[in-house]
Structures are given as structure tokens and as C-alpha cells.
Protein backbone atom coordinates (compact mmCIF):
# COMPACT_ATOMS: atom_id res chain seq x y z
CA MET A 1 20.50 46.55 -6.65
CA ASN A 2 23.64 44.59 -7.67
CA LYS A 3 23.71 40.88 -9.25
CA LEU A 4 25.90 38.31 -7.07
CA ILE A 5 26.30 34.88 -8.39
CA ILE A 6 26.67 32.18 -6.01
CA PRO A 7 27.97 29.30 -7.41
CA ILE A 8 26.56 25.86 -5.68
CA THR A 9 26.85 21.79 -5.77
CA ILE A 10 23.48 20.14 -4.82
CA LYS A 11 25.31 17.69 -3.44
CA GLU A 12 27.60 19.51 -1.20
CA ASN A 13 25.15 22.51 0.39
CA LYS A 14 22.85 20.43 2.39
CA ALA A 15 23.44 23.21 5.38
CA LYS A 16 21.59 26.49 4.85
CA LEU A 17 23.01 29.20 2.97
CA ASN A 18 23.38 31.78 4.87
CA VAL A 19 22.81 35.21 2.73
CA GLU A 20 20.71 37.43 5.03
CA GLU A 21 24.16 39.47 5.44
CA LEU A 22 23.88 40.26 1.84
CA LYS A 23 20.59 41.82 1.50
CA ASP A 24 21.70 44.59 -0.67
CA GLU A 25 22.21 42.00 -3.43
CA LYS A 26 20.44 40.70 -5.89
CA ILE A 27 21.65 36.95 -5.14
CA ILE A 28 21.36 34.11 -8.04
CA LEU A 29 22.51 30.41 -7.40
CA ASP A 30 24.60 29.17 -10.43
CA ILE A 31 23.60 25.54 -9.88
CA GLN A 32 26.82 23.38 -11.01
CA ASN A 33 27.40 19.74 -11.86
CA GLU A 34 24.03 18.79 -12.16
CA ASN A 35 21.79 16.82 -14.72
CA PHE A 36 18.30 18.04 -14.57
CA SER A 37 17.41 15.56 -17.26
CA PRO A 38 15.52 13.16 -15.86
CA PHE A 39 14.35 15.99 -13.30
CA ASN A 40 14.49 14.26 -10.35
CA ILE A 41 12.89 16.93 -7.82
CA GLU A 42 13.23 14.67 -4.58
CA THR A 43 17.15 14.93 -4.90
CA GLN A 44 17.48 18.72 -5.64
CA GLU A 45 14.86 20.15 -3.67
CA ASN A 46 17.15 20.11 -1.09
CA VAL A 47 18.81 23.43 -2.12
CA LEU A 48 16.18 24.20 -4.48
CA LYS A 49 13.87 25.16 -1.78
CA GLN A 50 16.45 27.92 0.15
CA THR A 51 15.18 30.06 -3.33
CA GLU A 52 12.33 30.69 -0.77
CA GLN A 53 14.39 32.81 0.78
CA LYS A 54 13.30 36.74 0.19
CA ASN A 55 16.33 38.23 -0.62
CA ILE A 56 17.52 34.74 -3.12
CA TYR A 57 16.53 36.30 -6.88
CA GLY A 58 16.94 33.42 -8.35
CA ILE A 59 18.58 30.21 -9.66
CA ARG A 60 21.21 29.41 -12.91
CA ILE A 61 21.22 26.24 -14.03
CA THR A 62 23.32 25.00 -17.20
CA LEU A 63 21.87 22.42 -19.58
CA ASN A 64 22.47 21.21 -23.26
CA SER A 65 20.27 21.14 -25.50
CA ASN A 66 18.72 17.14 -25.26
CA ASP A 67 18.27 18.28 -21.35
CA VAL A 68 15.57 21.61 -22.04
CA LYS A 69 12.62 19.80 -21.77
CA LYS A 70 9.41 22.02 -21.49
CA GLN A 71 7.97 20.17 -17.86
CA SER A 72 11.43 20.73 -16.51
CA ILE A 73 11.58 23.95 -17.38
CA LYS A 74 7.97 24.79 -15.85
CA GLU A 75 8.73 22.94 -12.81
CA LEU A 76 11.93 25.20 -11.94
CA LYS A 77 9.98 28.02 -12.80
CA LYS A 78 8.53 27.40 -9.26
CA TYR A 79 12.33 27.41 -7.87
CA LYS A 80 12.69 31.17 -9.32
CA LEU A 81 14.38 30.21 -12.32
CA LYS A 82 16.10 32.85 -14.45
CA GLU A 83 18.60 32.20 -16.52
CA VAL A 84 19.59 29.49 -18.10
CA ASN A 85 23.48 28.70 -19.70
CA LEU A 86 23.04 26.54 -22.56
CA LEU A 87 25.86 24.49 -23.68
CA VAL A 88 26.23 24.69 -27.38
CA GLU A 89 29.89 23.43 -28.00
CA SER A 90 29.38 23.88 -31.64
CA THR A 91 27.47 24.26 -34.68
CA ASN A 92 28.28 21.87 -36.80
CA ASP A 93 26.88 18.61 -36.57
CA TYR A 94 29.64 16.13 -37.69
CA ILE A 95 32.49 17.89 -35.06
CA LEU A 96 29.60 17.14 -32.08
CA ARG A 97 29.54 13.72 -33.01
CA ASN A 98 33.16 13.24 -33.29
CA ILE A 99 33.32 15.13 -29.33
CA GLY A 100 30.67 12.30 -28.10
CA SER A 101 27.77 15.11 -28.23
CA ASN A 102 24.32 13.61 -28.53
CA TYR A 103 22.57 17.20 -29.45
CA ASP A 104 22.63 18.81 -32.84
CA PHE A 105 21.93 21.97 -34.50
CA ARG A 106 18.12 21.16 -34.85
CA LYS A 107 18.00 20.52 -31.02
CA ILE A 108 20.06 23.81 -29.88
CA LYS A 109 17.68 26.10 -32.14
CA LYS A 110 14.66 24.03 -30.38
CA ALA A 111 15.92 24.20 -27.17
CA SER A 112 16.60 27.58 -27.36
CA LYS A 113 13.20 28.76 -28.66
CA THR A 114 11.55 26.92 -25.64
CA ILE A 115 13.77 28.67 -22.79
CA LYS A 116 12.82 32.01 -24.81
CA HIS A 117 9.34 30.86 -24.64
CA ASN A 118 9.30 30.36 -20.70
CA PHE A 119 10.68 34.22 -20.61
CA ILE A 120 14.00 32.72 -19.08
CA LYS A 121 17.32 34.62 -19.69
CA MET A 122 19.65 32.97 -21.56
CA ASN A 123 23.13 32.79 -21.98
CA ILE A 124 25.58 30.69 -24.25
CA ILE A 125 28.84 28.43 -23.27
CA THR A 126 30.31 27.61 -26.44
CA VAL A 127 33.77 25.59 -27.18
CA ILE A 128 36.81 27.20 -29.69
CA GLY A 129 38.98 24.22 -30.69
CA LEU A 130 37.25 21.32 -30.93
CA PRO A 131 38.86 18.32 -32.56
CA GLU A 132 38.51 18.78 -36.06
CA ALA A 133 37.48 22.14 -36.19
CA THR A 134 39.12 24.71 -37.85
CA LEU A 135 38.70 28.85 -37.47
CA ALA A 136 35.93 28.84 -40.40
CA ASP A 137 34.23 26.29 -37.98
CA ASP A 138 34.63 28.58 -34.83
CA LEU A 139 33.43 31.82 -36.65
CA ASN A 140 30.75 30.12 -38.14
CA THR A 141 29.25 28.32 -34.35
CA ILE A 142 29.60 32.47 -33.11
CA LYS A 143 27.84 33.42 -36.49
CA GLN A 144 25.38 30.99 -35.67
CA ILE A 145 24.48 31.26 -31.93
CA SER A 146 24.62 34.99 -31.94
CA LYS A 147 21.19 34.82 -34.27
CA LEU A 148 20.25 32.99 -31.21
CA LYS A 149 20.31 36.02 -29.49
CA PRO A 150 21.84 35.22 -25.87
CA LYS A 151 22.36 37.69 -23.12
CA GLU A 152 25.76 36.16 -22.77
CA ILE A 153 28.31 34.37 -24.62
CA ILE A 154 31.04 32.26 -22.47
CA ILE A 155 33.94 31.02 -25.05
CA ILE A 156 35.91 27.80 -23.76
CA ALA A 157 38.94 27.10 -25.17
CA CYS A 158 39.11 23.39 -25.79
CA ASP A 159 42.73 21.33 -24.12
CA GLU A 160 43.21 17.63 -24.50
CA ASN A 161 40.99 16.95 -20.81
CA TYR A 162 37.52 18.92 -22.22
CA ASN A 163 36.08 15.25 -21.99
CA ASN A 164 36.24 11.64 -21.66
CA LYS A 165 36.44 11.56 -25.94
CA VAL A 166 38.76 14.32 -26.73
CA LYS A 167 40.85 12.65 -24.07
CA GLU A 168 40.67 9.49 -26.44
CA LEU A 169 41.30 11.31 -30.01
CA TYR A 170 44.47 13.02 -28.13
CA ALA A 171 45.48 9.25 -26.22
CA SER A 172 45.26 8.32 -30.08
CA ASN A 173 47.46 11.28 -31.52
CA GLU A 174 43.87 12.23 -33.07
CA TYR A 175 43.86 15.64 -32.21
CA GLU A 176 46.42 18.36 -30.83
CA PRO A 177 45.10 21.25 -29.22
CA LEU A 178 46.01 24.61 -30.02
CA SER A 179 49.26 26.33 -29.19
CA THR A 180 48.60 29.61 -26.52
CA ILE A 181 49.37 31.93 -29.37
CA GLN A 182 47.17 30.28 -31.75
CA ILE A 183 43.89 30.21 -29.25
CA THR A 184 45.07 33.92 -28.53
CA GLU A 185 44.79 34.68 -31.96
CA ARG A 186 41.61 32.72 -32.57
CA LEU A 187 39.39 33.82 -29.69
CA LYS A 188 40.60 37.74 -30.34
CA GLU A 189 38.79 36.72 -34.08
CA VAL A 190 35.68 34.69 -32.55
CA ILE A 191 35.41 37.84 -30.29
CA SER A 192 35.29 40.24 -32.86
CA VAL A 193 32.55 38.48 -34.72
CA ALA A 194 30.82 38.21 -31.64
CA GLU A 195 30.64 41.76 -31.25
CA LYS A 196 29.86 43.05 -34.60
CA ALA A 197 27.10 40.60 -34.27
CA GLY A 198 25.67 43.26 -31.62
CA ILE A 199 26.74 40.69 -28.08
CA LYS A 200 27.46 42.87 -25.84
CA ASN A 201 28.54 40.31 -22.99
CA ILE A 202 31.53 38.08 -24.03
CA LYS A 203 33.14 36.76 -21.24
CA ILE A 204 36.04 33.79 -21.51
CA GLU A 205 36.13 30.72 -19.04
CA GLU A 206 39.49 31.30 -16.88
CA ARG A 207 41.81 28.51 -18.15
CA ASN A 208 45.83 28.35 -17.83
CA ASN A 209 45.93 32.13 -18.05
CA ILE A 210 44.43 32.14 -21.77
CA LYS A 211 41.94 35.20 -20.50
CA ASN A 212 44.45 37.40 -19.46
CA ASN A 213 46.72 36.89 -22.81
CA VAL A 214 43.37 37.49 -24.59
CA LEU A 215 42.58 40.65 -22.87
CA GLU A 216 45.87 41.94 -23.03
CA SER A 217 46.36 41.62 -26.87
CA ILE A 218 43.51 42.70 -28.10
CA TRP A 219 43.85 46.20 -25.47
CA TYR A 220 47.39 46.64 -27.38
CA ASP A 221 45.34 46.23 -30.54
CA ARG A 222 42.78 48.29 -29.89
CA ILE A 223 45.32 51.13 -28.80
CA VAL A 224 47.63 50.56 -31.75
CA GLU A 225 44.88 51.05 -34.00
CA LYS A 226 43.64 54.28 -32.27
CA ILE A 227 47.04 55.39 -32.18
CA LYS A 228 47.49 54.77 -35.83
CA SER A 229 44.06 56.73 -36.55
CA TYR A 230 45.72 60.23 -35.37
CA ASN A 231 47.51 61.99 -38.51
CA VAL A 232 50.80 63.21 -36.07
CA LYS A 233 53.06 60.79 -35.03
CA VAL A 234 52.21 60.63 -30.98
CA LYS A 235 54.83 61.06 -28.64
CA GLU A 236 52.86 60.55 -25.29
CA VAL A 237 49.34 59.73 -24.69
CA LYS A 238 47.19 59.59 -21.96
CA ILE A 239 44.40 56.97 -21.39
CA GLU A 240 41.33 57.37 -19.08
CA ALA A 241 40.01 53.20 -18.64
CA ASN A 242 37.77 51.32 -15.96
CA PRO A 243 39.45 49.99 -13.16
CA LYS A 244 38.57 46.76 -14.34
CA ASP A 245 40.30 47.17 -17.59
CA ILE A 246 43.62 48.92 -16.16
CA GLU A 247 45.60 45.60 -15.32
CA ASN A 248 44.80 43.83 -19.12
CA ILE A 249 45.89 46.99 -20.75
CA LYS A 250 49.32 47.19 -19.38
CA GLY A 251 49.91 43.64 -19.73
CA MET A 252 51.12 41.00 -17.36
CA GLU A 253 54.69 42.50 -15.83
CA ASN A 254 53.77 45.81 -18.48
CA THR A 255 54.05 43.74 -21.35
CA ASN A 256 51.91 46.30 -23.46
CA LEU A 257 53.60 49.46 -22.36
CA ILE A 258 56.89 48.37 -23.07
CA LYS A 259 55.83 46.46 -26.34
CA LEU A 260 54.08 50.32 -27.56
CA ASN A 261 57.29 51.76 -25.99
CA ASP A 262 59.58 49.85 -28.43
CA THR A 263 57.69 49.37 -31.39
CA TYR A 264 56.04 52.46 -31.78
CA ASP A 265 58.11 54.82 -29.51
CA VAL A 266 55.19 55.86 -27.32
CA GLU A 267 55.03 56.48 -24.15
CA ILE A 268 51.33 55.38 -22.47
CA LYS A 269 50.33 57.55 -18.74
CA LEU A 270 47.21 55.76 -17.71
CA GLU A 271 43.99 56.57 -15.31
CA GLU A 272 41.77 55.23 -13.62
CA ASN A 273 38.47 56.47 -14.87
CA GLU A 274 35.23 55.21 -13.14
CA LYS A 275 33.02 56.70 -15.33
CA ILE A 276 34.25 54.82 -18.63
CA LYS A 277 32.35 51.59 -19.25
CA GLU A 278 34.68 48.66 -18.96
CA GLY A 279 35.89 47.21 -22.48
CA GLN A 280 35.71 51.24 -23.23
CA LEU A 281 39.03 53.67 -23.32
CA LYS A 282 39.19 57.36 -23.48
CA MET A 283 42.20 58.70 -25.27
CA GLN A 284 44.64 62.14 -25.48
CA ILE A 285 47.54 63.15 -27.44
CA LEU A 286 49.79 64.56 -24.43
CA LYS A 287 52.95 65.36 -26.94
CA THR A 288 53.27 64.92 -30.43
CA TYR A 289 56.99 64.00 -32.13
CA THR A 290 57.34 67.55 -33.13
CA ASP A 291 56.85 68.60 -29.34
CA PHE A 292 59.62 66.55 -28.85
CA LEU A 293 61.97 67.73 -30.91
CA GLU A 294 60.94 71.23 -30.00
CA GLU A 295 61.88 70.52 -26.57
CA LYS A 296 65.19 69.00 -27.75
């Protein structure tokens, strides 16, 4: 059974959700833009009661460390709470204070334990490129939250509109957002550290094509590394990958394929293969440079 995430906002979903046609899906209601601390069941139960429908598997909510209370978690479990997205903008207490966050790393670790002790799946949302956060700070944050063993890490790239405090810092020239190139390179390094720490599910929040830029760059580097590992100079290779990865392998307007041809004189033939897992590839040499010269 596939898991289907349905984002909802309590204030805007007074009518009963129509999920009767989704019988073959494991439905998770992702409740957005709600503060569950203090826990106010009267205003929220309008939507929460809809979890009583048989084919709704459960709900997912987003909390920061101050919002994770034992009692509210227990109450939410009555309404099939299955997942918590824990907001961990940074594990550096100074950086957290600087952006107006009122929790620290000690509270983060305590919240993580509370979620797990209640047998709730924990994902972590984190932010890179915050005011005064260096590459070392962002890498350390990823290392620290990886030790908390989340099922998934969702990464947000900070910009001048991230929150009111960041807006103030930007307006007073105390904060300059990273450029697209800088964000792309930093995200690549952060993702690499998370993968090495054993985090299998890593997502980048959609924002200004940053996600596509990063994924395209990661695929390009991966293909170049694979080509360089061969003992012969390759002229033409076939790459098989999951259909969901094909566009990122190509790059926007085939930029990756063009760059590989221009820089390494390699032609890429792409084939979809649903048997290959997302994020993986299978490469086969079709023609070496020697073969090419002999044909000439």
C-alpha cells in the first residue's frame, strides 16, 4: 500500500475530507500552519475527528522543541498521530537565538526522546545558510541531528524572508543570503554528510529551483566520478536510472549531458529502468575512445 500525504490546514478544512476513492492508499493528513502548544483540542478536533475514517492511516504535524509536550503527544495519539516533523533550524544555540528561536540543543534532544518514546516516527526539518552560520556550522548541525536518528531530513535553504527576525537582519544589512551557487554547493556538502551518517531519506524544500540545481549538480558529479573510475577513456556510455531521476540526470535543457560532452567528450545514452531505486544508477560502457578511433 502506497503512503499518500495530504496537506491540510485546520481553519480551511471544515468540510469532511473526501477520501473514499483512495482506498488503496495509506493516507497521512499533514496538518500545516498550526501551533499545538498549548494544545487546544476544541478548535482542532474538527479536522482531527476525520481521522476516524477507516482509510485514513494517521496525521503528521510540525513542532519545534518547545511544543513537544508529553500530554499533548498523548492526546494527539488518540487521533492517530503517526509522524512528527521536528523543526531543528540549527544545533548552534547562538545561531538559534540570533534568529529569534526560543529553544536550544538541550531541548531538541529532550523533544527527540519524547517523540521516540511514544513510538512516533520522527522527521527533522533543518535550515542551512542562516545568519552567521558558516559551512562548518551547517555541517555540524547535520552531524548532530543525524545522531538523533530521524527517519527523514528535510532541508530548507534560508533566504531574507525566512522569518521576521531574518527580515530585520536583512533590512539592517546584517545578513546577506547565500547566492544560488553557494547554496547549491553547501547543500551538496550537507547532503553528503547526512548520507555518510546513514540517513537514507533526504529532501530539499522546493524553493526558487534550488532543489533542481542541487540534484542536477549531484548527478553530474556522480557520473563524472564513475567515468573517471574506468581504466580506459570512454567515448559513449549507457546510463539506466529510475524514471523519477531522468530529468535531473539530464539537467535543465540537457545542461548535464551537454557539459559532459563538452568537458569529457562523452556521449550519454539514458534509459529508464523502474527496477533501479531512486538515487541510484547503472552505467555501461558502449564505446571507448580506442573503439572510436578504429571506426574512423
